[in-house]
Amino acid sequence: MYPGVSSDQQRALSDFFASTRSLRATLSVHNLQVEGATATARVGGTYEFTTSAGRGEQQPVNFQAELHRDGTTWRLVAVR
């Protein structure tokens, strides 16, 4: 997903996707700070998904995304 993903984050994501039939993510950047080739974005939104048992669920999400510019491309390097 990104170079800095921890083994705990990777395991949690793997478990989540293994137990999910469908997923819709609605995300918005609430704040963006850019300093040279580094950027920090505050992201919020909602995950709407159907579990493997067929139950529909909604989950609010908020996180901080760290990005790094490589030429003309921004790359995700961490999620906190």
N, C-alpha and C. Protein backbone atom coordinates (compact mmCIF):
# COMPACT_ATOMS: atom_id res chain seq x y z
N MET A 1 0.82 -1.18 0.00
CA MET A 1 0.00 0.00 0.00
C MET A 1 0.87 1.25 0.00
N TYR A 2 1.80 1.32 0.92
CA TYR A 2 2.77 2.40 0.95
C TYR A 2 4.00 1.89 1.71
N PRO A 3 5.17 2.48 1.46
CA PRO A 3 6.41 1.92 2.01
C PRO A 3 6.46 1.80 3.53
N GLY A 4 5.82 2.71 4.27
CA GLY A 4 5.93 2.70 5.73
C GLY A 4 4.86 1.92 6.45
N VAL A 5 4.05 1.13 5.76
CA VAL A 5 2.97 0.40 6.42
C VAL A 5 3.57 -0.58 7.43
N SER A 6 3.05 -0.54 8.67
CA SER A 6 3.56 -1.43 9.70
C SER A 6 2.92 -2.81 9.55
N SER A 7 3.51 -3.81 10.17
CA SER A 7 2.95 -5.16 10.08
C SER A 7 1.58 -5.21 10.74
N ASP A 8 1.36 -4.45 11.83
CA ASP A 8 0.05 -4.41 12.47
C ASP A 8 -1.00 -3.78 11.56
N GLN A 9 -0.64 -2.68 10.88
CA GLN A 9 -1.55 -2.04 9.94
C GLN A 9 -1.87 -2.97 8.78
N GLN A 10 -0.85 -3.64 8.27
CA GLN A 10 -1.04 -4.56 7.15
C GLN A 10 -1.98 -5.70 7.55
N ARG A 11 -1.79 -6.25 8.73
CA ARG A 11 -2.63 -7.35 9.22
C ARG A 11 -4.08 -6.87 9.40
N ALA A 12 -4.27 -5.68 9.99
CA ALA A 12 -5.62 -5.15 10.19
C ALA A 12 -6.32 -4.92 8.86
N LEU A 13 -5.62 -4.37 7.88
CA LEU A 13 -6.21 -4.15 6.56
C LEU A 13 -6.55 -5.48 5.88
N SER A 14 -5.66 -6.43 5.97
CA SER A 14 -5.90 -7.74 5.38
C SER A 14 -7.13 -8.40 6.00
N ASP A 15 -7.24 -8.35 7.32
CA ASP A 15 -8.41 -8.92 8.01
C ASP A 15 -9.69 -8.22 7.59
N PHE A 16 -9.63 -6.88 7.50
CA PHE A 16 -10.82 -6.11 7.11
C PHE A 16 -11.29 -6.51 5.72
N PHE A 17 -10.37 -6.53 4.74
CA PHE A 17 -10.77 -6.86 3.38
C PHE A 17 -11.20 -8.32 3.23
N ALA A 18 -10.65 -9.20 4.03
CA ALA A 18 -11.06 -10.61 3.99
C ALA A 18 -12.48 -10.79 4.49
N SER A 19 -12.96 -9.88 5.35
CA SER A 19 -14.31 -10.02 5.91
C SER A 19 -15.31 -9.07 5.25
N THR A 20 -14.95 -8.47 4.12
CA THR A 20 -15.79 -7.48 3.46
C THR A 20 -16.12 -7.91 2.03
N ARG A 21 -17.42 -7.88 1.70
CA ARG A 21 -17.85 -8.21 0.33
C ARG A 21 -17.73 -7.02 -0.60
N SER A 22 -18.14 -5.84 -0.11
CA SER A 22 -18.08 -4.63 -0.93
C SER A 22 -17.74 -3.45 -0.02
N LEU A 23 -17.15 -2.44 -0.61
CA LEU A 23 -16.71 -1.28 0.17
C LEU A 23 -16.86 -0.02 -0.66
N ARG A 24 -17.40 1.01 -0.03
CA ARG A 24 -17.47 2.34 -0.65
C ARG A 24 -16.85 3.30 0.36
N ALA A 25 -15.83 4.00 -0.07
CA ALA A 25 -15.16 4.97 0.80
C ALA A 25 -15.44 6.38 0.29
N THR A 26 -15.92 7.23 1.16
CA THR A 26 -16.14 8.64 0.84
C THR A 26 -15.19 9.42 1.73
N LEU A 27 -14.17 10.04 1.12
CA LEU A 27 -13.13 10.73 1.88
C LEU A 27 -12.97 12.16 1.39
N SER A 28 -12.62 13.05 2.33
CA SER A 28 -12.35 14.45 2.01
C SER A 28 -11.11 14.91 2.75
N VAL A 29 -10.33 15.75 2.11
CA VAL A 29 -9.17 16.36 2.76
C VAL A 29 -9.67 17.61 3.49
N HIS A 30 -9.47 17.63 4.81
CA HIS A 30 -9.95 18.75 5.63
C HIS A 30 -8.87 19.80 5.84
N ASN A 31 -7.64 19.41 5.73
CA ASN A 31 -6.53 20.34 5.93
C ASN A 31 -5.33 19.79 5.19
N LEU A 32 -4.61 20.64 4.51
CA LEU A 32 -3.42 20.21 3.78
C LEU A 32 -2.31 21.21 4.04
N GLN A 33 -1.19 20.70 4.52
CA GLN A 33 -0.02 21.55 4.75
C GLN A 33 1.11 21.02 3.88
N VAL A 34 1.66 21.90 3.05
CA VAL A 34 2.74 21.52 2.15
C VAL A 34 3.99 22.30 2.53
N GLU A 35 5.08 21.58 2.73
CA GLU A 35 6.37 22.20 3.00
C GLU A 35 7.39 21.55 2.07
N GLY A 36 7.71 22.24 0.99
CA GLY A 36 8.65 21.70 0.01
C GLY A 36 8.11 20.45 -0.63
N ALA A 37 8.84 19.34 -0.49
CA ALA A 37 8.45 18.08 -1.11
C ALA A 37 7.69 17.18 -0.15
N THR A 38 7.24 17.73 0.99
CA THR A 38 6.50 16.96 1.99
C THR A 38 5.14 17.60 2.22
N ALA A 39 4.12 16.77 2.38
CA ALA A 39 2.78 17.28 2.66
C ALA A 39 2.11 16.42 3.72
N THR A 40 1.29 17.07 4.54
CA THR A 40 0.50 16.38 5.55
C THR A 40 -0.96 16.73 5.30
N ALA A 41 -1.79 15.71 5.16
CA ALA A 41 -3.22 15.92 4.90
C ALA A 41 -4.03 15.31 6.04
N ARG A 42 -5.00 16.07 6.56
CA ARG A 42 -5.97 15.53 7.51
C ARG A 42 -7.16 15.07 6.68
N VAL A 43 -7.50 13.80 6.77
CA VAL A 43 -8.53 13.19 5.94
C VAL A 43 -9.64 12.65 6.84
N GLY A 44 -10.88 12.85 6.42
CA GLY A 44 -12.02 12.32 7.15
C GLY A 44 -13.07 11.82 6.19
N GLY A 45 -13.94 10.96 6.68
CA GLY A 45 -15.00 10.46 5.82
C GLY A 45 -15.68 9.25 6.42
N THR A 46 -16.22 8.42 5.54
CA THR A 46 -16.99 7.26 5.95
C THR A 46 -16.67 6.07 5.06
N TYR A 47 -16.54 4.90 5.68
CA TYR A 47 -16.49 3.64 4.96
C TYR A 47 -17.87 3.01 5.07
N GLU A 48 -18.49 2.67 3.96
CA GLU A 48 -19.75 1.93 3.93
C GLU A 48 -19.42 0.58 3.31
N PHE A 49 -19.75 -0.49 4.02
CA PHE A 49 -19.36 -1.81 3.52
C PHE A 49 -20.37 -2.87 3.90
N THR A 50 -20.29 -3.97 3.20
CA THR A 50 -21.10 -5.15 3.48
C THR A 50 -20.16 -6.24 3.94
N THR A 51 -20.44 -6.80 5.11
CA THR A 51 -19.58 -7.85 5.65
C THR A 51 -19.80 -9.14 4.88
N SER A 52 -18.90 -10.11 5.09
CA SER A 52 -19.05 -11.40 4.42
C SER A 52 -20.29 -12.13 4.91
N ALA A 53 -20.85 -11.70 6.07
CA ALA A 53 -22.10 -12.28 6.58
C ALA A 53 -23.32 -11.58 5.98
N GLY A 54 -23.09 -10.54 5.14
CA GLY A 54 -24.20 -9.86 4.47
C GLY A 54 -24.74 -8.66 5.23
N ARG A 55 -24.12 -8.27 6.32
CA ARG A 55 -24.61 -7.13 7.11
C ARG A 55 -23.99 -5.83 6.61
N GLY A 56 -24.82 -4.82 6.37
CA GLY A 56 -24.34 -3.50 5.95
C GLY A 56 -23.88 -2.69 7.15
N GLU A 57 -22.75 -2.03 7.01
CA GLU A 57 -22.21 -1.22 8.10
C GLU A 57 -21.63 0.07 7.57
N GLN A 58 -21.56 1.06 8.47
CA GLN A 58 -20.92 2.34 8.19
C GLN A 58 -19.90 2.59 9.30
N GLN A 59 -18.75 3.12 8.92
CA GLN A 59 -17.71 3.40 9.90
C GLN A 59 -17.09 4.76 9.59
N PRO A 60 -17.16 5.72 10.53
CA PRO A 60 -16.47 6.99 10.30
C PRO A 60 -14.96 6.79 10.37
N VAL A 61 -14.22 7.54 9.58
CA VAL A 61 -12.76 7.44 9.59
C VAL A 61 -12.14 8.83 9.60
N ASN A 62 -11.05 8.95 10.33
CA ASN A 62 -10.24 10.16 10.37
C ASN A 62 -8.79 9.72 10.48
N PHE A 63 -7.94 10.28 9.65
CA PHE A 63 -6.53 9.93 9.73
C PHE A 63 -5.68 11.05 9.14
N GLN A 64 -4.41 10.93 9.38
CA GLN A 64 -3.44 11.86 8.82
C GLN A 64 -2.62 11.11 7.78
N ALA A 65 -2.50 11.67 6.61
CA ALA A 65 -1.72 11.07 5.53
C ALA A 65 -0.46 11.90 5.30
N GLU A 66 0.67 11.23 5.25
CA GLU A 66 1.94 11.88 4.96
C GLU A 66 2.30 11.55 3.51
N LEU A 67 2.64 12.58 2.75
CA LEU A 67 2.98 12.40 1.34
C LEU A 67 4.34 13.01 1.04
N HIS A 68 4.98 12.48 0.00
CA HIS A 68 6.27 12.99 -0.44
C HIS A 68 6.24 13.14 -1.95
N ARG A 69 6.72 14.29 -2.42
CA ARG A 69 6.74 14.54 -3.87
C ARG A 69 8.01 13.95 -4.47
N ASP A 70 7.81 13.20 -5.54
CA ASP A 70 8.91 12.60 -6.30
C ASP A 70 8.76 13.11 -7.73
N GLY A 71 9.44 14.18 -8.06
CA GLY A 71 9.26 14.82 -9.37
C GLY A 71 7.91 15.51 -9.42
N THR A 72 7.04 15.06 -10.30
CA THR A 72 5.70 15.65 -10.40
C THR A 72 4.63 14.79 -9.74
N THR A 73 5.06 13.71 -9.08
CA THR A 73 4.13 12.76 -8.48
C THR A 73 4.20 12.82 -6.96
N TRP A 74 3.03 12.83 -6.30
CA TRP A 74 2.97 12.73 -4.85
C TRP A 74 2.76 11.28 -4.48
N ARG A 75 3.54 10.78 -3.51
CA ARG A 75 3.44 9.39 -3.06
C ARG A 75 3.06 9.34 -1.60
N LEU A 76 2.15 8.45 -1.26
CA LEU A 76 1.74 8.21 0.12
C LEU A 76 2.85 7.46 0.83
N VAL A 77 3.34 8.01 1.95
CA VAL A 77 4.43 7.33 2.67
C VAL A 77 4.01 6.86 4.06
N ALA A 78 2.93 7.40 4.62
CA ALA A 78 2.47 6.95 5.94
C ALA A 78 1.03 7.38 6.18
N VAL A 79 0.34 6.57 6.97
CA VAL A 79 -1.02 6.88 7.43
C VAL A 79 -1.02 6.72 8.94
N ARG A 80 -1.49 7.73 9.61
CA ARG A 80 -1.52 7.69 11.10
C ARG A 80 -2.91 8.01 11.58
